[in-house]
Amino acid sequence: MTACTALALQIAARAVTDRADLAAAVGRVAERVGGSKAWLGPALRLVVLPEYVLTGFPAGQGPAEWREKAALDVDGPEYRALAAIAADEDVFLCVNAYERDEHFPGLYFQACVILSPAGEAVLRYRRLHSLFTPTPYDVWERYLDRYGLDGVLPVARTEIGNLAALASEEILMPELARALALRGAEVFCNPTSEAYSPALTPKAVARRARALENLAFVVSANTAGLSGIAIPGDSVNGGSEVIDHEGRALAQAGPGETLVAAAELDLAALRRARRRPGMANLPSRVKTGLWAREYAAHDVERPADLETAPDRGFHVARQREIIERLHGRG
């Protein structure tokens, strides 16, 4: 398959109060995905959901409480239900959720999971850049021993292209997108929940940059508001979009729940561009050896070797310490 329709499905998120709320959230996802498939037709093969669409994010809850209240189990009922949605609607479904891992029992991660039309998880990516949530880098050696580097930087090779995930603000991290592109990624799924503005925001600028510098599509789904917490709900409402490999917006959404951010992904055109010599073929011009040596010379964020998820104070103190090392006291 060299073309399909991709949808950045902009739907509302609600903060969970208990685990019963998770089933209701999955039910809302089933309704919206089913309705979108009926509207857009059989060409719809990829649906990207917003960031933490099932739960909202922890606002005032401690890490242990949030882990018990909102984090999914890898083989739990929520993922099984989401896999059934992907199978029923014949789509690849990208969902973002907080997730527990039996091998790291005191922690939770923020994961992007892509479920196939066969009802299988073809990609599980745990967010690597997060200011307040543990990441695989915080248990680096143990994580590599368990999952290897392919488990840290996964790319799913599917009949609708090579899929990868960038969670929310990770669209601002060019190294991550470039590494995934070098591993073959053609489509970046970008679940997000971000402040929306009609003007170009930093993340909107970054989506275009990541697309053109890697010759890749970006399918970015924002929330249609977030209820149940003190932050004004419409702060994170609108701006879902599909960006092509030349940095052009193929479709964009305003505020509210909508399927308008849907567009055809022409993989044949992307693959021709990747094989065409010239100045615009930026992936072919990357000097990986140069940057590997330069990056290795700098001491920035270090693995924390965590056993349990720390509170926000730990993350704030760590960032301050990093800034002092980067720039010196005063």
Protein backbone atom coordinates (compact mmCIF):
# COMPACT_ATOMS: atom_id res chain seq x y z
CA MET A 1 0.00 0.00 0.00
CA THR A 2 1.47 3.35 -1.05
CA ALA A 3 -1.34 5.66 0.12
CA CYS A 4 -3.91 5.75 2.90
CA THR A 5 -5.90 8.24 4.93
CA ALA A 6 -4.56 9.24 8.34
CA LEU A 7 -6.64 10.95 11.01
CA ALA A 8 -5.49 13.04 13.96
CA LEU A 9 -8.66 12.43 15.96
CA GLN A 10 -9.30 15.46 18.15
CA ILE A 11 -11.41 14.36 21.11
CA ALA A 12 -11.88 15.56 24.68
CA ALA A 13 -10.02 14.17 27.67
CA ARG A 14 -11.31 13.90 31.23
CA ALA A 15 -9.25 13.54 34.38
CA VAL A 16 -9.85 10.17 36.02
CA THR A 17 -11.12 9.92 39.58
CA ASP A 18 -10.89 6.12 39.82
CA ARG A 19 -10.21 3.12 37.59
CA ALA A 20 -13.85 2.85 36.58
CA ASP A 21 -13.34 6.04 34.59
CA LEU A 22 -10.91 4.21 32.32
CA ALA A 23 -13.60 1.95 30.88
CA ALA A 24 -15.80 4.96 30.15
CA ALA A 25 -12.91 6.68 28.37
CA VAL A 26 -12.28 3.61 26.21
CA GLY A 27 -15.98 3.59 25.35
CA ARG A 28 -15.77 7.21 24.17
CA VAL A 29 -12.77 6.33 22.01
CA ALA A 30 -14.69 3.41 20.46
CA GLU A 31 -17.60 5.68 19.55
CA ARG A 32 -15.42 8.38 18.01
CA VAL A 33 -13.19 5.99 16.06
CA GLY A 34 -16.22 4.09 14.77
CA GLY A 35 -17.97 7.29 13.72
CA SER A 36 -14.81 8.58 12.03
CA LYS A 37 -14.38 5.36 10.07
CA ALA A 38 -17.99 5.53 8.90
CA TRP A 39 -17.53 9.16 7.83
CA LEU A 40 -14.12 8.92 6.16
CA GLY A 41 -14.55 5.46 4.68
CA PRO A 42 -12.35 2.40 4.15
CA ALA A 43 -9.30 4.44 3.10
CA LEU A 44 -8.89 5.46 6.75
CA ARG A 45 -6.12 3.19 8.05
CA LEU A 46 -4.31 5.25 10.71
CA VAL A 47 -5.91 6.98 13.69
CA VAL A 48 -3.79 8.92 16.19
CA LEU A 49 -5.43 9.78 19.53
CA PRO A 50 -4.45 12.73 21.75
CA GLU A 51 -2.02 12.53 24.63
CA TYR A 52 -3.31 10.85 27.84
CA VAL A 53 -6.78 10.74 26.29
CA LEU A 54 -7.96 8.11 28.78
CA THR A 55 -6.90 9.80 32.00
CA GLY A 56 -5.76 13.39 31.79
CA PHE A 57 -2.51 14.02 33.64
CA PRO A 58 -1.62 13.94 37.34
CA ALA A 59 -2.57 17.27 38.91
CA GLY A 60 -1.96 17.14 42.64
CA GLN A 61 -1.78 13.36 42.96
CA GLY A 62 1.43 11.78 44.16
CA PRO A 63 3.28 9.27 41.96
CA ALA A 64 2.14 6.19 43.91
CA GLU A 65 -1.49 7.30 43.84
CA TRP A 66 -1.36 8.07 40.13
CA ARG A 67 0.27 4.75 39.34
CA GLU A 68 -2.58 2.89 41.04
CA LYS A 69 -5.36 5.12 39.73
CA ALA A 70 -4.42 5.78 36.12
CA ALA A 71 -1.57 3.60 34.82
CA LEU A 72 -2.52 0.72 32.52
CA ASP A 73 -1.10 -2.78 32.61
CA VAL A 74 0.51 -3.97 29.38
CA ASP A 75 -1.88 -6.93 29.21
CA GLY A 76 -4.75 -5.17 30.97
CA PRO A 77 -8.41 -4.81 29.95
CA GLU A 78 -8.01 -1.29 28.59
CA TYR A 79 -5.40 -2.29 26.03
CA ARG A 80 -7.45 -5.36 25.09
CA ALA A 81 -10.47 -3.15 24.49
CA LEU A 82 -8.44 -0.67 22.44
CA ALA A 83 -7.01 -3.54 20.37
CA ALA A 84 -10.56 -4.68 19.66
CA ILE A 85 -11.39 -1.17 18.38
CA ALA A 86 -8.43 -1.30 15.99
CA ALA A 87 -9.54 -4.73 14.76
CA ASP A 88 -13.22 -3.81 14.43
CA GLU A 89 -12.49 -0.65 12.45
CA ASP A 90 -9.56 -2.06 10.43
CA VAL A 91 -7.19 0.72 11.48
CA PHE A 92 -3.82 1.18 13.09
CA LEU A 93 -4.69 2.95 16.34
CA CYS A 94 -2.07 5.03 18.18
CA VAL A 95 -2.96 5.63 21.83
CA ASN A 96 -1.00 7.45 24.53
CA ALA A 97 -1.36 6.28 28.13
CA TYR A 98 0.40 6.00 31.45
CA GLU A 99 1.63 2.46 31.82
CA ARG A 100 2.93 0.04 34.46
CA ASP A 101 5.67 -2.52 33.84
CA GLU A 102 6.12 -5.60 36.01
CA HIS A 103 9.89 -5.37 35.56
CA PHE A 104 9.94 -1.88 37.13
CA PRO A 105 7.26 -2.26 39.81
CA GLY A 106 7.80 1.06 41.57
CA LEU A 107 7.56 3.16 38.41
CA TYR A 108 5.19 4.06 35.63
CA PHE A 109 5.95 5.34 32.14
CA GLN A 110 4.10 7.38 29.55
CA ALA A 111 3.69 5.14 26.51
CA CYS A 112 2.63 5.47 22.91
CA VAL A 113 1.23 2.16 21.68
CA ILE A 114 0.19 1.39 18.11
CA LEU A 115 -2.40 -1.37 17.79
CA SER A 116 -2.86 -3.07 14.43
CA PRO A 117 -6.00 -4.21 12.58
CA ALA A 118 -5.03 -7.70 13.76
CA GLY A 119 -5.54 -6.51 17.33
CA GLU A 120 -1.83 -6.67 18.16
CA ALA A 121 0.56 -4.10 19.63
CA VAL A 122 3.04 -3.51 16.80
CA LEU A 123 4.83 -0.67 18.59
CA ARG A 124 5.34 0.26 22.24
CA TYR A 125 7.36 3.41 22.79
CA ARG A 126 7.99 4.78 26.29
CA ARG A 127 8.50 8.54 26.31
CA LEU A 128 12.17 9.48 26.72
CA HIS A 129 11.79 13.22 27.41
CA SER A 130 9.43 14.09 30.25
CA LEU A 131 9.95 16.70 32.92
CA PHE A 132 7.85 15.04 35.64
CA THR A 133 7.35 11.38 34.61
CA PRO A 134 9.96 8.60 34.87
CA THR A 135 11.46 7.54 31.54
CA PRO A 136 13.49 4.54 30.35
CA TYR A 137 16.59 6.73 30.65
CA ASP A 138 16.01 6.91 34.41
CA VAL A 139 16.59 3.15 34.63
CA TRP A 140 18.86 3.06 31.63
CA GLU A 141 21.09 0.03 32.03
CA ARG A 142 18.32 -2.12 33.48
CA TYR A 143 15.96 -1.04 30.70
CA LEU A 144 18.48 -1.85 27.98
CA ASP A 145 19.13 -5.24 29.57
CA ARG A 146 15.41 -5.99 29.42
CA TYR A 147 14.33 -4.45 26.09
CA GLY A 148 17.45 -3.49 24.14
CA LEU A 149 17.86 -0.34 22.07
CA ASP A 150 15.21 -1.52 19.60
CA GLY A 151 12.75 -1.40 22.49
CA VAL A 152 13.81 2.17 23.29
CA LEU A 153 13.59 3.47 19.70
CA PRO A 154 11.01 1.25 18.00
CA VAL A 155 9.81 1.58 14.41
CA ALA A 156 6.87 -0.53 13.24
CA ARG A 157 7.09 -1.72 9.65
CA THR A 158 3.53 -2.08 8.45
CA GLU A 159 1.53 -2.20 5.22
CA ILE A 160 0.76 1.52 5.62
CA GLY A 161 4.40 2.53 6.08
CA ASN A 162 7.03 2.60 8.78
CA LEU A 163 5.45 4.11 11.90
CA ALA A 164 7.10 5.72 14.91
CA ALA A 165 5.87 7.83 17.84
CA LEU A 166 6.87 11.15 19.36
CA ALA A 167 4.97 12.02 22.54
CA SER A 168 3.80 15.60 22.97
CA GLU A 169 6.77 17.94 23.57
CA GLU A 170 9.16 15.37 22.13
CA ILE A 171 8.35 16.98 18.79
CA LEU A 172 10.75 19.70 20.07
CA MET A 173 13.62 17.17 20.31
CA PRO A 174 15.24 16.93 16.85
CA GLU A 175 17.63 14.14 17.88
CA LEU A 176 14.81 11.73 18.67
CA ALA A 177 12.99 12.24 15.38
CA ARG A 178 16.24 12.00 13.43
CA ALA A 179 17.22 8.75 15.17
CA LEU A 180 13.83 7.23 14.36
CA ALA A 181 14.05 8.42 10.76
CA LEU A 182 17.49 6.87 10.41
CA ARG A 183 15.86 3.65 11.64
CA GLY A 184 13.39 3.93 8.77
CA ALA A 185 10.43 5.85 10.22
CA GLU A 186 8.22 7.43 7.54
CA VAL A 187 5.26 8.54 9.66
CA PHE A 188 5.59 10.19 13.07
CA CYS A 189 2.51 9.74 15.25
CA ASN A 190 2.41 12.69 17.66
CA PRO A 191 -0.18 12.41 20.44
CA THR A 192 -0.22 15.75 22.24
CA SER A 193 -2.21 17.88 24.66
CA GLU A 194 -0.94 21.38 24.18
CA ALA A 195 -1.93 25.02 24.34
CA TYR A 196 -3.56 25.91 21.05
CA SER A 197 -3.33 29.23 19.24
CA PRO A 198 -4.21 30.35 15.71
CA ALA A 199 -0.64 31.64 15.53
CA LEU A 200 2.24 29.24 15.03
CA THR A 201 3.19 27.79 18.41
CA PRO A 202 6.64 26.34 19.15
CA LYS A 203 5.30 22.81 18.70
CA ALA A 204 3.59 23.70 15.44
CA VAL A 205 6.87 25.11 14.13
CA ALA A 206 8.66 21.97 15.33
CA ARG A 207 6.21 19.65 13.57
CA ARG A 208 7.02 21.29 10.26
CA ALA A 209 10.74 21.17 10.98
CA ARG A 210 10.70 17.50 11.97
CA ALA A 211 8.75 16.66 8.82
CA LEU A 212 10.95 18.42 6.28
CA GLU A 213 14.31 17.69 7.90
CA ASN A 214 13.50 13.95 8.01
CA LEU A 215 11.31 13.72 4.90
CA ALA A 216 8.51 12.24 6.99
CA PHE A 217 4.81 12.72 7.66
CA VAL A 218 3.63 13.98 11.06
CA VAL A 219 0.14 13.11 12.29
CA SER A 220 -0.45 15.18 15.42
CA ALA A 221 -3.63 14.80 17.51
CA ASN A 222 -4.39 17.39 20.20
CA THR A 223 -7.11 17.17 22.81
CA ALA A 224 -10.45 18.92 22.37
CA GLY A 225 -10.31 20.28 25.88
CA LEU A 226 -9.45 18.71 29.24
CA SER A 227 -12.03 18.62 32.03
CA GLY A 228 -11.85 17.62 35.67
CA ILE A 229 -8.88 19.76 36.74
CA ALA A 230 -8.41 23.43 37.62
CA ILE A 231 -6.69 24.45 34.38
CA PRO A 232 -9.14 26.16 31.99
CA GLY A 233 -10.37 23.26 29.88
CA ASP A 234 -10.14 24.91 26.47
CA SER A 235 -6.50 25.84 26.91
CA VAL A 236 -5.64 22.51 25.25
CA ASN A 237 -8.28 22.52 22.54
CA GLY A 238 -7.57 22.48 18.82
CA GLY A 239 -4.79 22.51 16.28
CA SER A 240 -4.59 18.83 15.36
CA GLU A 241 -2.91 18.51 11.98
CA VAL A 242 -1.34 16.34 9.35
CA ILE A 243 1.98 17.59 7.93
CA ASP A 244 3.60 16.21 4.79
CA HIS A 245 7.27 15.48 4.14
CA GLU A 246 7.84 19.00 2.80
CA GLY A 247 6.51 20.66 5.94
CA ARG A 248 3.12 21.58 4.48
CA ALA A 249 -0.11 21.28 6.46
CA LEU A 250 -2.39 18.89 4.58
CA ALA A 251 -5.23 19.28 7.11
CA GLN A 252 -5.77 21.29 10.30
CA ALA A 253 -8.48 21.42 12.95
CA GLY A 254 -9.92 24.32 14.90
CA PRO A 255 -11.29 23.78 18.42
CA GLY A 256 -13.75 21.09 19.49
CA GLU A 257 -14.16 17.39 18.88
CA THR A 258 -13.58 16.83 15.18
CA LEU A 259 -12.30 14.51 12.48
CA VAL A 260 -11.35 17.35 10.13
CA ALA A 261 -7.60 16.77 10.60
CA ALA A 262 -7.52 13.91 8.10
CA ALA A 263 -5.50 13.63 4.91
CA GLU A 264 -4.01 11.15 2.50
CA LEU A 265 -0.45 10.03 3.16
CA ASP A 266 1.24 9.53 -0.21
CA LEU A 267 4.04 7.15 0.75
CA ALA A 268 5.13 6.72 -2.86
CA ALA A 269 5.89 10.45 -3.09
CA LEU A 270 7.76 10.39 0.21
CA ARG A 271 9.86 7.43 -0.86
CA ARG A 272 10.70 9.09 -4.19
CA ALA A 273 11.84 12.19 -2.28
CA ARG A 274 14.06 10.10 -0.02
CA ARG A 275 15.80 8.55 -3.02
CA ARG A 276 16.23 11.81 -4.96
CA PRO A 277 19.69 13.45 -4.72
CA GLY A 278 19.78 17.15 -3.98
CA MET A 279 19.95 19.79 -1.26
CA ALA A 280 16.48 18.94 0.04
CA ASN A 281 17.45 15.36 0.85
CA LEU A 282 18.56 16.26 4.37
CA PRO A 283 18.62 12.73 5.85
CA SER A 284 21.29 11.75 3.31
CA ARG A 285 23.48 14.65 4.45
CA VAL A 286 23.66 13.86 8.18
CA LYS A 287 27.18 13.54 9.58
CA THR A 288 26.40 11.00 12.28
CA GLY A 289 30.01 10.31 13.26
CA LEU A 290 30.72 14.00 13.83
CA TRP A 291 27.69 14.50 16.07
CA ALA A 292 28.20 11.25 17.98
CA ARG A 293 31.66 12.46 19.03
CA GLU A 294 30.48 15.98 19.88
CA TYR A 295 27.45 14.84 21.90
CA ALA A 296 29.57 12.36 23.84
CA ALA A 297 31.75 15.23 25.05
CA HIS A 298 28.88 16.92 26.92
CA ASP A 299 27.46 15.95 30.30
CA VAL A 300 23.79 16.98 30.44
CA GLU A 301 20.96 14.81 31.84
CA ARG A 302 22.19 11.66 33.56
CA PRO A 303 20.30 8.43 34.25
CA ALA A 304 18.83 8.58 37.75
CA ASP A 305 18.65 4.80 38.42
CA LEU A 306 15.20 5.13 40.02
CA GLU A 307 13.41 2.40 41.96
CA THR A 308 10.20 4.32 42.64
CA ALA A 309 8.56 7.25 40.86
CA PRO A 310 9.73 10.44 42.61
CA ASP A 311 7.67 13.53 43.33
CA ARG A 312 7.89 16.75 41.33
CA GLY A 313 10.49 18.20 43.69
CA PHE A 314 13.01 15.60 42.53
CA HIS A 315 12.54 16.55 38.87
CA VAL A 316 12.75 20.27 39.59
CA ALA A 317 15.97 19.83 41.58
CA ARG A 318 17.49 17.65 38.88
CA GLN A 319 16.80 20.20 36.17
CA ARG A 320 18.28 23.00 38.27
CA GLU A 321 21.41 20.94 38.84
CA ILE A 322 21.72 20.28 35.09
CA ILE A 323 21.37 23.98 34.29
CA GLU A 324 24.08 24.81 36.81
CA ARG A 325 26.42 22.29 35.25
CA LEU A 326 25.68 23.63 31.77
CA HIS A 327 26.13 27.28 32.59
CA GLY A 328 27.94 27.49 35.90
CA ARG A 329 26.70 29.09 39.11
CA GLY A 330 25.78 32.71 38.53
